[in-house]
PDB file of N, CA and C in Angstrom:
ATOM      1  N   UNK A   1     -23.139 -17.308 -23.304  1.00  0.00           N
ATOM      2  CA  UNK A   1     -23.135 -17.204 -24.699  1.00  0.00           C
ATOM      3  C   UNK A   1     -24.938 -15.987 -25.146  1.00  0.00           C
ATOM      4  N   UNK A   2     -25.026 -15.214 -25.816  1.00  0.00           N
ATOM      5  CA  UNK A   2     -26.328 -15.082 -25.653  1.00  0.00           C
ATOM      6  C   UNK A   2     -26.959 -15.147 -27.167  1.00  0.00           C
ATOM      7  N   UNK A   3     -28.274 -14.721 -27.014  1.00  0.00           N
ATOM      8  CA  UNK A   3     -29.088 -15.267 -28.174  1.00  0.00           C
ATOM      9  C   UNK A   3     -29.351 -14.515 -29.249  1.00  0.00           C
ATOM     10  N   UNK A   4     -28.982 -14.639 -30.154  1.00  0.00           N
ATOM     11  CA  UNK A   4     -29.107 -13.360 -31.076  1.00  0.00           C
ATOM     12  C   UNK A   4     -30.307 -12.726 -31.322  1.00  0.00           C
ATOM     13  N   UNK A   5     -31.665 -13.784 -31.417  1.00  0.00           N
ATOM     14  CA  UNK A   5     -32.953 -13.486 -32.137  1.00  0.00           C
ATOM     15  C   UNK A   5     -33.269 -12.611 -30.652  1.00  0.00           C
ATOM     16  N   UNK A   6     -32.882 -13.120 -29.506  1.00  0.00           N
ATOM     17  CA  UNK A   6     -34.190 -12.164 -28.664  1.00  0.00           C
ATOM     18  C   UNK A   6     -33.010 -10.712 -28.613  1.00  0.00           C
ATOM     19  N   UNK A   7     -31.629 -10.897 -28.803  1.00  0.00           N
ATOM     20  CA  UNK A   7     -31.318  -9.450 -28.739  1.00  0.00           C
ATOM     21  C   UNK A   7     -31.781  -8.282 -29.865  1.00  0.00           C
ATOM     22  N   UNK A   8     -31.954  -9.327 -30.723  1.00  0.00           N
ATOM     23  CA  UNK A   8     -32.725  -8.595 -32.075  1.00  0.00           C
ATOM     24  C   UNK A   8     -34.538  -8.167 -31.548  1.00  0.00           C
ATOM     25  N   UNK A   9     -35.066  -8.935 -30.707  1.00  0.00           N
ATOM     26  CA  UNK A   9     -36.340  -8.831 -30.796  1.00  0.00           C
ATOM     27  C   UNK A   9     -36.792  -7.320 -29.562  1.00  0.00           C
ATOM     28  N   UNK A  10     -35.343  -7.347 -29.378  1.00  0.00           N
ATOM     29  CA  UNK A  10     -35.217  -6.011 -28.105  1.00  0.00           C
ATOM     30  C   UNK A  10     -35.153  -4.419 -28.437  1.00  0.00           C
ATOM     31  N   UNK A  11     -34.940  -4.603 -29.961  1.00  0.00           N
ATOM     32  CA  UNK A  11     -34.193  -3.859 -30.625  1.00  0.00           C
ATOM     33  C   UNK A  11     -35.548  -2.502 -30.934  1.00  0.00           C
ATOM     34  N   UNK A  12     -35.010  -1.218 -30.372  1.00  0.00           N
ATOM     35  CA  UNK A  12     -36.024   0.296 -30.457  1.00  0.00           C
ATOM     36  C   UNK A  12     -35.570   1.088 -31.167  1.00  0.00           C
ATOM     37  N   UNK A  13     -36.361   1.049 -32.491  1.00  0.00           N
ATOM     38  CA  UNK A  13     -36.384   1.585 -33.772  1.00  0.00           C
ATOM     39  C   UNK A  13     -36.249   2.824 -33.427  1.00  0.00           C
ATOM     40  N   UNK A  14     -35.687   4.022 -33.995  1.00  0.00           N
ATOM     41  CA  UNK A  14     -35.878   5.831 -33.808  1.00  0.00           C
ATOM     42  C   UNK A  14     -35.478   6.284 -35.278  1.00  0.00           C
ATOM     43  N   UNK A  15     -36.314   7.357 -35.148  1.00  0.00           N
ATOM     44  CA  UNK A  15     -35.569   8.435 -36.367  1.00  0.00           C
ATOM     45  C   UNK A  15     -34.722   9.001 -35.827  1.00  0.00           C
ATOM     46  N   UNK A  16     -33.296   8.866 -36.854  1.00  0.00           N
ATOM     47  CA  UNK A  16     -32.592   9.713 -36.837  1.00  0.00           C
ATOM     48  C   UNK A  16     -31.978  11.126 -37.725  1.00  0.00           C
ATOM     49  N   UNK A  17     -31.304  12.311 -37.379  1.00  0.00           N
ATOM     50  CA  UNK A  17     -30.528  12.674 -38.467  1.00  0.00           C
ATOM     51  C   UNK A  17     -29.486  12.315 -39.330  1.00  0.00           C
ATOM     52  N   UNK A  18     -29.886  12.197 -40.522  1.00  0.00           N
ATOM     53  CA  UNK A  18     -28.964  11.873 -41.336  1.00  0.00           C
ATOM     54  C   UNK A  18     -27.455  12.455 -41.207  1.00  0.00           C
ATOM     55  N   UNK A  19     -27.782  13.704 -41.247  1.00  0.00           N
ATOM     56  CA  UNK A  19     -26.538  14.122 -41.358  1.00  0.00           C
ATOM     57  C   UNK A  19     -25.551  14.096 -40.220  1.00  0.00           C
ATOM     58  N   UNK A  20     -25.910  13.736 -38.820  1.00  0.00           N
ATOM     59  CA  UNK A  20     -25.857  14.229 -37.612  1.00  0.00           C
ATOM     60  C   UNK A  20     -25.296  12.678 -37.555  1.00  0.00           C
ATOM     61  N   UNK A  21     -25.892  11.839 -38.140  1.00  0.00           N
ATOM     62  CA  UNK A  21     -24.970  10.276 -37.855  1.00  0.00           C
ATOM     63  C   UNK A  21     -24.008  10.069 -38.793  1.00  0.00           C
ATOM     64  N   UNK A  22     -23.818  10.803 -39.845  1.00  0.00           N
ATOM     65  CA  UNK A  22     -23.034  10.404 -40.850  1.00  0.00           C
ATOM     66  C   UNK A  22     -21.839  11.638 -41.217  1.00  0.00           C
ATOM     67  N   UNK A  23     -22.048  12.846 -40.551  1.00  0.00           N
ATOM     68  CA  UNK A  23     -20.943  13.899 -41.177  1.00  0.00           C
ATOM     69  C   UNK A  23     -21.132  14.762 -39.809  1.00  0.00           C
ATOM     70  N   UNK A  24     -21.860  14.849 -38.811  1.00  0.00           N
ATOM     71  CA  UNK A  24     -21.749  15.271 -37.512  1.00  0.00           C
ATOM     72  C   UNK A  24     -22.563  16.881 -37.564  1.00  0.00           C
ATOM     73  N   UNK A  25     -23.071  17.275 -38.434  1.00  0.00           N
ATOM     74  CA  UNK A  25     -23.889  18.417 -39.295  1.00  0.00           C
ATOM     75  C   UNK A  25     -25.142  18.305 -39.714  1.00  0.00           C
ATOM     76  N   UNK A  26     -26.182  18.357 -38.607  1.00  0.00           N
ATOM     77  CA  UNK A  26     -27.833  18.244 -39.092  1.00  0.00           C
ATOM     78  C   UNK A  26     -28.205  18.381 -40.317  1.00  0.00           C
ATOM     79  N   UNK A  27     -28.955  17.804 -40.945  1.00  0.00           N
ATOM     80  CA  UNK A  27     -29.247  17.812 -42.498  1.00  0.00           C
ATOM     81  C   UNK A  27     -30.852  17.887 -42.191  1.00  0.00           C
ATOM     82  N   UNK A  28     -31.598  17.497 -41.751  1.00  0.00           N
ATOM     83  CA  UNK A  28     -32.910  17.418 -41.849  1.00  0.00           C
ATOM     84  C   UNK A  28     -33.568  16.313 -42.380  1.00  0.00           C
ATOM     85  N   UNK A  29     -32.588  15.447 -43.202  1.00  0.00           N
ATOM     86  CA  UNK A  29     -33.192  14.468 -43.649  1.00  0.00           C
ATOM     87  C   UNK A  29     -32.826  13.155 -42.736  1.00  0.00           C
ATOM     88  N   UNK A  30     -34.017  12.746 -42.479  1.00  0.00           N
ATOM     89  CA  UNK A  30     -34.373  11.787 -41.362  1.00  0.00           C
ATOM     90  C   UNK A  30     -34.204  10.264 -41.836  1.00  0.00           C
ATOM     91  N   UNK A  31     -33.513   9.402 -41.102  1.00  0.00           N
ATOM     92  CA  UNK A  31     -33.350   7.970 -41.593  1.00  0.00           C
ATOM     93  C   UNK A  31     -33.774   7.298 -40.608  1.00  0.00           C
ATOM     94  N   UNK A  32     -34.200   6.235 -40.332  1.00  0.00           N
ATOM     95  CA  UNK A  32     -34.666   4.908 -39.437  1.00  0.00           C
ATOM     96  C   UNK A  32     -33.273   4.540 -38.663  1.00  0.00           C
ATOM     97  N   UNK A  33     -33.019   4.461 -37.699  1.00  0.00           N
ATOM     98  CA  UNK A  33     -32.086   3.618 -36.841  1.00  0.00           C
ATOM     99  C   UNK A  33     -32.628   2.662 -35.281  1.00  0.00           C
ATOM    100  N   UNK A  34     -31.457   2.653 -34.703  1.00  0.00           N
ATOM    101  CA  UNK A  34     -31.526   1.817 -33.180  1.00  0.00           C
ATOM    102  C   UNK A  34     -31.317   2.651 -32.490  1.00  0.00           C
ATOM    103  N   UNK A  35     -32.087   2.591 -31.082  1.00  0.00           N
ATOM    104  CA  UNK A  35     -31.658   3.522 -30.154  1.00  0.00           C
ATOM    105  C   UNK A  35     -30.359   3.188 -29.271  1.00  0.00           C
ATOM    106  N   UNK A  36     -29.735   1.619 -29.691  1.00  0.00           N
ATOM    107  CA  UNK A  36     -29.097   1.682 -29.103  1.00  0.00           C
ATOM    108  C   UNK A  36     -27.971   0.609 -29.739  1.00  0.00           C
ATOM    109  N   UNK A  37     -26.541   0.559 -29.610  1.00  0.00           N
ATOM    110  CA  UNK A  37     -25.884  -0.654 -30.373  1.00  0.00           C
ATOM    111  C   UNK A  37     -26.306  -2.083 -30.114  1.00  0.00           C
ATOM    112  N   UNK A  38     -25.869  -2.937 -30.723  1.00  0.00           N
ATOM    113  CA  UNK A  38     -25.777  -4.464 -30.698  1.00  0.00           C
ATOM    114  C   UNK A  38     -24.468  -5.062 -30.584  1.00  0.00           C
ATOM    115  N   UNK A  39     -24.484  -6.187 -29.807  1.00  0.00           N
ATOM    116  CA  UNK A  39     -22.971  -7.092 -30.199  1.00  0.00           C
ATOM    117  C   UNK A  39     -22.807  -6.953 -31.764  1.00  0.00           C
ATOM    118  N   UNK A  40     -23.532  -7.166 -32.609  1.00  0.00           N
ATOM    119  CA  UNK A  40     -23.283  -7.023 -34.041  1.00  0.00           C
ATOM    120  C   UNK A  40     -23.027  -5.569 -34.824  1.00  0.00           C
ATOM    121  N   UNK A  41     -23.255  -4.819 -33.923  1.00  0.00           N
ATOM    122  CA  UNK A  41     -22.714  -3.660 -34.542  1.00  0.00           C
ATOM    123  C   UNK A  41     -20.764  -3.297 -34.705  1.00  0.00           C
ATOM    124  N   UNK A  42     -20.729  -2.801 -35.732  1.00  0.00           N
ATOM    125  CA  UNK A  42     -18.845  -2.631 -36.246  1.00  0.00           C
ATOM    126  C   UNK A  42     -18.784  -1.767 -35.124  1.00  0.00           C
ATOM    127  N   UNK A  43     -17.081  -1.819 -34.927  1.00  0.00           N
ATOM    128  CA  UNK A  43     -16.680  -0.391 -34.262  1.00  0.00           C
ATOM    129  C   UNK A  43     -16.702   0.758 -35.139  1.00  0.00           C
ATOM    130  N   UNK A  44     -16.684   1.757 -34.720  1.00  0.00           N
ATOM    131  CA  UNK A  44     -16.504   3.135 -35.403  1.00  0.00           C
ATOM    132  C   UNK A  44     -14.955   3.346 -35.249  1.00  0.00           C
ATOM    133  N   UNK A  45     -14.412   3.179 -36.513  1.00  0.00           N
ATOM    134  CA  UNK A  45     -13.099   3.870 -36.655  1.00  0.00           C
ATOM    135  C   UNK A  45     -12.906   4.944 -37.058  1.00  0.00           C
ATOM    136  N   UNK A  46     -12.416   6.181 -36.707  1.00  0.00           N
ATOM    137  CA  UNK A  46     -12.265   7.485 -37.256  1.00  0.00           C
ATOM    138  C   UNK A  46     -11.459   7.447 -38.623  1.00  0.00           C
ATOM    139  N   UNK A  47     -11.622   8.471 -39.613  1.00  0.00           N
ATOM    140  CA  UNK A  47     -11.074   8.271 -40.820  1.00  0.00           C
ATOM    141  C   UNK A  47      -9.654   9.189 -40.560  1.00  0.00           C
ATOM    142  N   UNK A  48      -8.499   8.820 -40.621  1.00  0.00           N
ATOM    143  CA  UNK A  48      -7.510   9.265 -40.680  1.00  0.00           C
ATOM    144  C   UNK A  48      -7.295  10.463 -41.484  1.00  0.00           C
TER     145      UNK A  48
END
């Protein structure tokens, strides 16, 4: 079993392009996120 607090403490914050994250096209608008997914990150399901 894993310790959630330990996992959260090791996250590395990064700036990501919002357009690339949400639509796949760069927008120049930066949003804050994390460098890697965690066990708490939901799976991405493409829209049909």
